[in-house]
Amino acid sequence: MKIIVDAMGGDNAPLEIVRGALQANETYGVEIILTGRTEAVLRAISECGRKELPKGVEIANASEVVEMSDDPATAFKVKKDSSLTVGLNLLRDGKGDAFVSAGSTGALLSGATLVVKRIRGIRRAAMAPQVPVMGGKAVLCDCGANAECTLEYLVQFAFLGSYYAQHVMGIEKPRVALLNIGAEAEKGDELRRDTFARLQELSGEGRLNFVGNIEGSTAMMGGADVIVADGFSGNVMLKSLEGTGKFLYETMKGMFARSASTKIAAVLMKECINEFKDMLNPSEVGGTPFLGISKPVIKAHGASDALAILNAVRQARDFAQSGFIGDVERDVELMRVEKS
């Protein structure tokens, strides 16, 4: 298994990116291709305490870097020798099994769509992070790639999320729900009502395990394994979850710091508090897959540290080994929506 890693993408590149990739090479036994400026990458490897390039690690030189300020729609075209573009070209050409980048989300999505390309028949790629819910994690599909959606997009997101939950997360019969303003079938706008009806039909045919509409509060209580949303609503939900988690954590810290007795309680509760913190830490997940692209592409958080990259590489490996893409290619006709 060979994973391509964009060594120059993200706020902490290249040192933390390289450190995480080297740890993944040791921990998971995967081969690594680091794309970036060779001198900068070698310097980072040296700063990680390595005197020479480790076995199973190679560098693909890239003289340019896609900056966050660059136009995401054209950056990978304008900077044809960027670490992001070089990595995507290597993936397209079969030189690696998956690609990981903590760089610009927009540029990575545009590049993945136009260089690696979508699975034939899939209308739009979706960003599908695993979000913490009561009892485990759920796939949120989409969380920002497609602010405006059609019926067919949402139906395909339901299939993509379900297949990902099954193949990568090991959920045998994922419960798929449509994010809406109420649980009743008649709730929401026309798009949501039409999507509900189509997903219910597919569930009746045994194609999906659709459990109906779901509100954000119910979703967070573990009411579904796959939460289907347009990118606008999904992104609002994701950012609200992140903000709520930070709010709760900071509030707890303040409560435990009030007095000597609460400080003692904090010491006794330290393990539980750390578990809560880790549950909300994006570094523990690694990244967000772009579902619908013909080869595995993982977007790591822009502020990724070595731990995040380590986990993103693990996620990329699991994705590449899962058989997800092959099954989507096989069943893509089931995901089409005939125009009325």
Protein backbone atom coordinates (compact mmCIF):
# COMPACT_ATOMS: atom_id res chain seq x y z
CA MET A 1 0.00 0.00 0.00
CA LYS A 2 1.43 3.37 -1.05
CA ILE A 3 -0.01 6.65 0.25
CA ILE A 4 0.82 10.01 -1.36
CA VAL A 5 1.07 12.87 1.16
CA ASP A 6 1.10 16.57 0.29
CA ALA A 7 4.07 17.66 2.43
CA MET A 8 3.56 21.38 1.82
CA GLY A 9 -0.18 21.70 2.50
CA GLY A 10 -1.53 23.05 5.78
CA ASP A 11 -0.60 25.49 8.53
CA ASN A 12 2.08 23.22 10.02
CA ALA A 13 3.78 22.11 6.82
CA PRO A 14 6.19 20.68 6.17
CA LEU A 15 7.50 19.60 9.60
CA GLU A 16 4.31 18.22 11.20
CA ILE A 17 3.12 16.73 7.91
CA VAL A 18 6.42 14.93 7.39
CA ARG A 19 6.55 13.82 11.04
CA GLY A 20 3.07 12.30 10.80
CA ALA A 21 3.84 10.60 7.48
CA LEU A 22 7.04 9.06 8.89
CA GLN A 23 5.11 7.81 11.92
CA ALA A 24 2.52 6.26 9.60
CA ASN A 25 5.30 4.53 7.64
CA GLU A 26 6.56 2.97 10.88
CA THR A 27 3.20 2.30 12.55
CA TYR A 28 1.17 0.96 9.63
CA GLY A 29 3.90 -0.28 7.32
CA VAL A 30 2.62 1.74 4.37
CA GLU A 31 4.92 3.23 1.78
CA ILE A 32 4.86 7.03 1.60
CA ILE A 33 5.42 9.47 -1.26
CA LEU A 34 5.96 13.01 0.05
CA THR A 35 5.23 15.68 -2.56
CA GLY A 36 6.92 19.04 -2.09
CA ARG A 37 10.12 21.01 -2.35
CA THR A 38 12.82 18.37 -1.91
CA GLU A 39 15.13 20.58 0.15
CA ALA A 40 12.34 21.59 2.55
CA VAL A 41 11.14 18.00 2.92
CA LEU A 42 14.66 16.68 3.58
CA ARG A 43 15.17 19.43 6.17
CA ALA A 44 11.94 18.38 7.90
CA ILE A 45 13.04 14.73 7.85
CA SER A 46 16.32 15.78 9.49
CA GLU A 47 14.43 17.77 12.14
CA CYS A 48 12.51 14.57 12.90
CA GLY A 49 15.84 12.97 13.87
CA ARG A 50 16.43 11.03 10.65
CA LYS A 51 19.81 11.28 8.97
CA GLU A 52 18.60 9.73 5.75
CA LEU A 53 15.39 8.95 3.91
CA PRO A 54 13.69 6.02 5.71
CA LYS A 55 12.98 2.80 3.85
CA GLY A 56 9.59 2.93 2.16
CA VAL A 57 9.58 6.74 1.97
CA GLU A 58 10.31 8.72 -1.19
CA ILE A 59 10.05 12.34 -2.29
CA ALA A 60 8.36 13.60 -5.46
CA ASN A 61 9.72 17.08 -6.05
CA ALA A 62 7.22 19.91 -6.50
CA SER A 63 8.54 23.45 -6.84
CA GLU A 64 5.29 25.30 -6.03
CA VAL A 65 2.79 25.46 -3.18
CA VAL A 66 -0.95 26.16 -3.37
CA GLU A 67 -1.56 28.88 -0.79
CA MET A 68 -4.84 29.41 1.07
CA SER A 69 -5.11 32.80 -0.65
CA ASP A 70 -5.01 31.27 -4.15
CA ASP A 71 -8.22 30.91 -6.15
CA PRO A 72 -9.32 27.36 -5.29
CA ALA A 73 -11.01 26.82 -8.64
CA THR A 74 -7.86 27.44 -10.69
CA ALA A 75 -4.91 27.07 -8.28
CA PHE A 76 -4.07 23.51 -9.30
CA LYS A 77 -4.09 24.57 -12.99
CA VAL A 78 -2.04 27.74 -12.53
CA LYS A 79 0.46 26.05 -10.23
CA LYS A 80 0.99 22.89 -12.23
CA ASP A 81 4.09 21.94 -10.26
CA SER A 82 2.53 22.42 -6.82
CA SER A 83 2.72 19.68 -4.20
CA LEU A 84 -1.06 19.30 -4.46
CA THR A 85 -1.14 19.01 -8.26
CA VAL A 86 1.84 16.66 -8.40
CA GLY A 87 0.20 14.43 -5.79
CA LEU A 88 -3.11 14.28 -7.66
CA ASN A 89 -1.31 13.45 -10.92
CA LEU A 90 0.56 10.61 -9.20
CA LEU A 91 -2.73 9.25 -7.86
CA ARG A 92 -4.40 9.50 -11.27
CA ASP A 93 -1.47 7.70 -12.91
CA GLY A 94 -1.59 4.81 -10.43
CA LYS A 95 1.68 5.69 -8.69
CA GLY A 96 -0.08 5.57 -5.31
CA ASP A 97 -3.24 4.12 -3.77
CA ALA A 98 -4.56 7.24 -2.01
CA PHE A 99 -3.77 10.93 -1.52
CA VAL A 100 -3.76 12.96 1.71
CA SER A 101 -3.56 16.75 1.88
CA ALA A 102 -4.09 19.37 4.59
CA GLY A 103 -4.03 22.14 2.00
CA SER A 104 -6.80 24.26 0.48
CA THR A 105 -10.11 22.38 0.56
CA GLY A 106 -11.44 24.11 -2.55
CA ALA A 107 -8.29 23.52 -4.58
CA LEU A 108 -8.14 19.88 -3.49
CA LEU A 109 -11.79 19.28 -4.39
CA SER A 110 -11.44 21.01 -7.76
CA GLY A 111 -8.22 19.16 -8.52
CA ALA A 112 -9.61 15.79 -7.44
CA THR A 113 -12.68 16.33 -9.63
CA LEU A 114 -10.80 17.46 -12.74
CA VAL A 115 -7.56 15.47 -12.45
CA VAL A 116 -8.52 12.21 -10.73
CA LYS A 117 -12.18 12.61 -11.81
CA ARG A 118 -15.45 11.41 -10.32
CA ILE A 119 -16.73 7.86 -10.56
CA ARG A 120 -18.66 7.66 -13.82
CA GLY A 121 -22.32 8.41 -13.11
CA ILE A 122 -21.70 10.26 -9.83
CA ARG A 123 -22.88 13.85 -10.30
CA ARG A 124 -20.97 15.56 -7.47
CA ALA A 125 -18.32 14.52 -4.97
CA ALA A 126 -19.31 14.93 -1.33
CA MET A 127 -17.29 15.65 1.78
CA ALA A 128 -18.23 13.06 4.38
CA PRO A 129 -16.61 13.43 7.82
CA GLN A 130 -17.26 11.10 10.72
CA VAL A 131 -18.91 13.17 13.45
CA PRO A 132 -19.22 12.13 17.11
CA VAL A 133 -22.74 11.15 18.18
CA MET A 134 -24.15 9.33 21.19
CA GLY A 135 -22.80 5.79 21.08
CA GLY A 136 -20.18 6.30 18.39
CA LYS A 137 -19.81 8.15 15.09
CA ALA A 138 -22.00 8.97 12.10
CA VAL A 139 -21.17 9.94 8.51
CA LEU A 140 -22.31 13.45 7.57
CA CYS A 141 -22.70 13.60 3.79
CA ASP A 142 -22.31 16.38 2.52
CA CYS A 143 -20.64 18.93 4.82
CA GLY A 144 -19.69 21.73 2.44
CA ALA A 145 -18.78 20.69 -1.09
CA ASN A 146 -22.22 21.36 -2.61
CA ALA A 147 -24.17 24.26 -1.14
CA GLU A 148 -26.99 23.81 -3.65
CA CYS A 149 -28.24 20.32 -4.42
CA THR A 150 -30.70 18.48 -6.62
CA LEU A 151 -32.75 15.41 -5.80
CA GLU A 152 -30.21 13.20 -7.57
CA TYR A 153 -27.29 14.66 -5.60
CA LEU A 154 -28.96 13.92 -2.27
CA VAL A 155 -29.98 10.42 -3.31
CA GLN A 156 -26.40 9.72 -4.37
CA PHE A 157 -25.08 11.15 -1.10
CA ALA A 158 -27.33 8.69 0.73
CA PHE A 159 -25.81 5.76 -1.18
CA LEU A 160 -22.24 7.06 -0.85
CA GLY A 161 -22.61 7.61 2.88
CA SER A 162 -24.22 4.22 3.37
CA TYR A 163 -21.53 2.40 1.40
CA TYR A 164 -18.80 4.25 3.31
CA ALA A 165 -20.34 3.43 6.70
CA GLN A 166 -20.59 -0.21 5.66
CA HIS A 167 -17.21 -0.67 3.99
CA VAL A 168 -14.94 1.58 6.04
CA MET A 169 -16.67 1.85 9.43
CA GLY A 170 -17.89 -1.74 9.51
CA ILE A 171 -21.60 -0.99 10.09
CA GLU A 172 -23.53 -3.91 8.63
CA LYS A 173 -26.80 -2.16 7.80
CA PRO A 174 -26.28 1.61 8.18
CA ARG A 175 -29.31 3.66 9.18
CA VAL A 176 -29.66 6.50 6.67
CA ALA A 177 -31.56 9.67 7.61
CA LEU A 178 -32.28 12.96 5.84
CA LEU A 179 -31.39 16.10 7.80
CA ASN A 180 -34.54 18.20 8.02
CA ILE A 181 -36.48 20.63 10.22
CA GLY A 182 -38.78 17.90 11.48
CA ALA A 183 -39.28 14.16 11.44
CA GLU A 184 -42.61 14.15 9.56
CA ALA A 185 -42.65 13.25 5.86
CA GLU A 186 -44.22 16.57 4.85
CA LYS A 187 -41.57 18.70 6.59
CA GLY A 188 -39.05 20.85 4.76
CA ASP A 189 -38.94 22.40 1.30
CA GLU A 190 -39.83 20.69 -1.98
CA LEU A 191 -36.35 19.24 -2.39
CA ARG A 192 -36.43 17.64 1.05
CA ARG A 193 -39.95 16.24 0.48
CA ASP A 194 -39.00 14.80 -2.90
CA THR A 195 -35.82 13.31 -1.46
CA PHE A 196 -37.74 11.75 1.43
CA ALA A 197 -40.16 10.11 -1.02
CA ARG A 198 -37.38 8.73 -3.25
CA LEU A 199 -35.30 7.40 -0.35
CA GLN A 200 -38.40 5.74 1.09
CA GLU A 201 -38.98 4.00 -2.26
CA LEU A 202 -35.38 2.80 -2.36
CA SER A 203 -35.68 1.55 1.22
CA GLY A 204 -38.82 -0.39 0.30
CA GLU A 205 -36.86 -2.02 -2.53
CA GLY A 206 -34.13 -3.02 -0.07
CA ARG A 207 -31.53 -0.72 -1.62
CA LEU A 208 -31.04 1.42 1.49
CA ASN A 209 -31.94 1.32 5.16
CA PHE A 210 -33.71 4.69 5.20
CA VAL A 211 -35.12 5.62 8.62
CA GLY A 212 -36.72 8.92 7.62
CA ASN A 213 -36.13 12.58 8.37
CA ILE A 214 -33.98 13.55 11.31
CA GLU A 215 -33.48 16.79 13.21
CA GLY A 216 -30.02 17.89 14.29
CA SER A 217 -30.75 17.15 17.96
CA THR A 218 -31.87 13.59 17.22
CA ALA A 219 -28.90 13.05 14.94
CA MET A 220 -26.53 13.97 17.78
CA MET A 221 -28.23 11.43 20.02
CA GLY A 222 -27.24 8.65 17.62
CA GLY A 223 -30.47 8.41 15.64
CA ALA A 224 -28.68 7.53 12.39
CA ASP A 225 -25.39 6.17 11.05
CA VAL A 226 -25.54 8.34 7.91
CA ILE A 227 -26.87 11.91 7.92
CA VAL A 228 -27.72 13.13 4.41
CA ALA A 229 -27.58 16.88 3.85
CA ASP A 230 -26.88 19.52 1.25
CA GLY A 231 -23.46 21.10 1.77
CA PHE A 232 -24.89 24.30 3.26
CA SER A 233 -26.98 22.63 5.95
CA GLY A 234 -24.32 20.01 6.61
CA ASN A 235 -21.61 22.61 7.09
CA VAL A 236 -23.79 24.60 9.50
CA MET A 237 -24.41 21.41 11.49
CA LEU A 238 -20.71 20.48 11.52
CA LYS A 239 -19.52 23.92 12.63
CA SER A 240 -22.28 24.11 15.26
CA LEU A 241 -21.15 20.74 16.62
CA GLU A 242 -17.53 21.86 16.75
CA GLY A 243 -18.46 25.10 18.50
CA THR A 244 -20.74 23.36 20.98
CA GLY A 245 -18.01 20.88 21.84
CA LYS A 246 -15.51 23.67 22.52
CA PHE A 247 -18.10 25.56 24.56
CA LEU A 248 -18.83 22.53 26.73
CA TYR A 249 -15.16 21.72 27.23
CA GLU A 250 -14.25 25.28 28.25
CA THR A 251 -17.30 25.45 30.53
CA MET A 252 -16.25 22.22 32.24
CA LYS A 253 -12.72 23.56 32.75
CA GLY A 254 -14.15 26.66 34.40
CA MET A 255 -16.41 24.59 36.65
CA PHE A 256 -13.55 22.37 37.81
CA ALA A 257 -11.35 25.40 38.56
CA ARG A 258 -13.81 27.04 40.98
CA SER A 259 -12.50 25.71 44.29
CA ALA A 260 -10.16 23.26 45.95
CA SER A 261 -12.85 20.55 46.02
CA THR A 262 -13.68 20.94 42.33
CA LYS A 263 -9.96 20.82 41.47
CA ILE A 264 -9.71 17.53 43.35
CA ALA A 265 -12.74 16.32 41.40
CA ALA A 266 -10.96 17.33 38.17
CA VAL A 267 -7.99 15.15 39.11
CA LEU A 268 -10.29 12.20 39.80
CA MET A 269 -12.15 12.84 36.52
CA LYS A 270 -9.04 13.47 34.43
CA GLU A 271 -9.34 10.29 32.36
CA CYS A 272 -13.00 10.93 31.54
CA ILE A 273 -12.30 14.57 30.69
CA ASN A 274 -9.51 13.55 28.34
CA GLU A 275 -11.81 11.01 26.66
CA PHE A 276 -14.36 13.78 26.09
CA LYS A 277 -11.66 16.05 24.66
CA ASP A 278 -10.36 13.31 22.33
CA MET A 279 -13.89 12.61 21.08
CA LEU A 280 -14.06 16.18 19.77
CA ASN A 281 -10.47 16.33 18.53
CA PRO A 282 -10.34 16.25 14.69
CA SER A 283 -6.77 14.95 14.90
CA GLU A 284 -8.09 11.66 16.28
CA VAL A 285 -10.17 11.08 13.12
CA GLY A 286 -7.56 12.24 10.63
CA GLY A 287 -9.54 13.77 7.81
CA THR A 288 -12.57 13.90 5.56
CA PRO A 289 -12.90 11.65 2.50
CA PHE A 290 -14.15 13.01 -0.80
CA LEU A 291 -16.78 10.40 -1.68
CA GLY A 292 -17.51 9.96 -5.36
CA ILE A 293 -13.95 10.53 -6.60
CA SER A 294 -12.59 7.57 -8.57
CA LYS A 295 -9.64 7.08 -6.19
CA PRO A 296 -9.29 7.76 -2.44
CA VAL A 297 -8.65 11.42 -1.56
CA ILE A 298 -8.55 12.50 2.10
CA LYS A 299 -8.72 16.15 3.20
CA ALA A 300 -6.93 16.62 6.52
CA HIS A 301 -7.67 19.65 8.69
CA GLY A 302 -5.70 22.77 7.75
CA ALA A 303 -4.21 22.92 11.25
CA SER A 304 -3.23 19.24 11.22
CA ASP A 305 -0.40 18.14 13.48
CA ALA A 306 1.57 14.90 13.23
CA LEU A 307 -1.18 12.93 14.99
CA ALA A 308 -3.78 14.13 12.50
CA ILE A 309 -1.61 13.14 9.53
CA LEU A 310 -0.85 9.75 11.11
CA ASN A 311 -4.60 9.12 11.40
CA ALA A 312 -5.34 10.57 7.95
CA VAL A 313 -2.88 8.10 6.41
CA ARG A 314 -4.51 5.26 8.37
CA GLN A 315 -7.90 6.43 7.11
CA ALA A 316 -6.58 6.61 3.53
CA ARG A 317 -5.20 3.08 3.83
CA ASP A 318 -8.50 1.74 5.18
CA PHE A 319 -10.43 3.56 2.46
CA ALA A 320 -8.19 2.18 -0.30
CA GLN A 321 -8.52 -1.38 1.04
CA SER A 322 -12.26 -1.26 1.67
CA GLY A 323 -13.67 -2.03 -1.77
CA PHE A 324 -15.91 1.06 -1.50
CA ILE A 325 -15.07 2.53 -4.91
CA GLY A 326 -15.51 -0.77 -6.74
CA ASP A 327 -18.94 -1.33 -5.23
CA VAL A 328 -20.06 2.22 -6.05
CA GLU A 329 -18.91 1.73 -9.65
CA ARG A 330 -20.84 -1.54 -9.81
CA ASP A 331 -24.06 -0.11 -8.38
CA VAL A 332 -23.99 3.44 -9.75
CA GLU A 333 -27.04 2.81 -11.95
CA LEU A 334 -29.10 2.29 -8.78
CA MET A 335 -28.19 5.84 -7.75
CA ARG A 336 -29.54 7.59 -10.82
CA VAL A 337 -32.70 9.64 -10.70
CA GLU A 338 -34.71 9.82 -13.91
CA LYS A 339 -35.79 13.33 -14.83
CA SER A 340 -39.55 13.72 -14.82
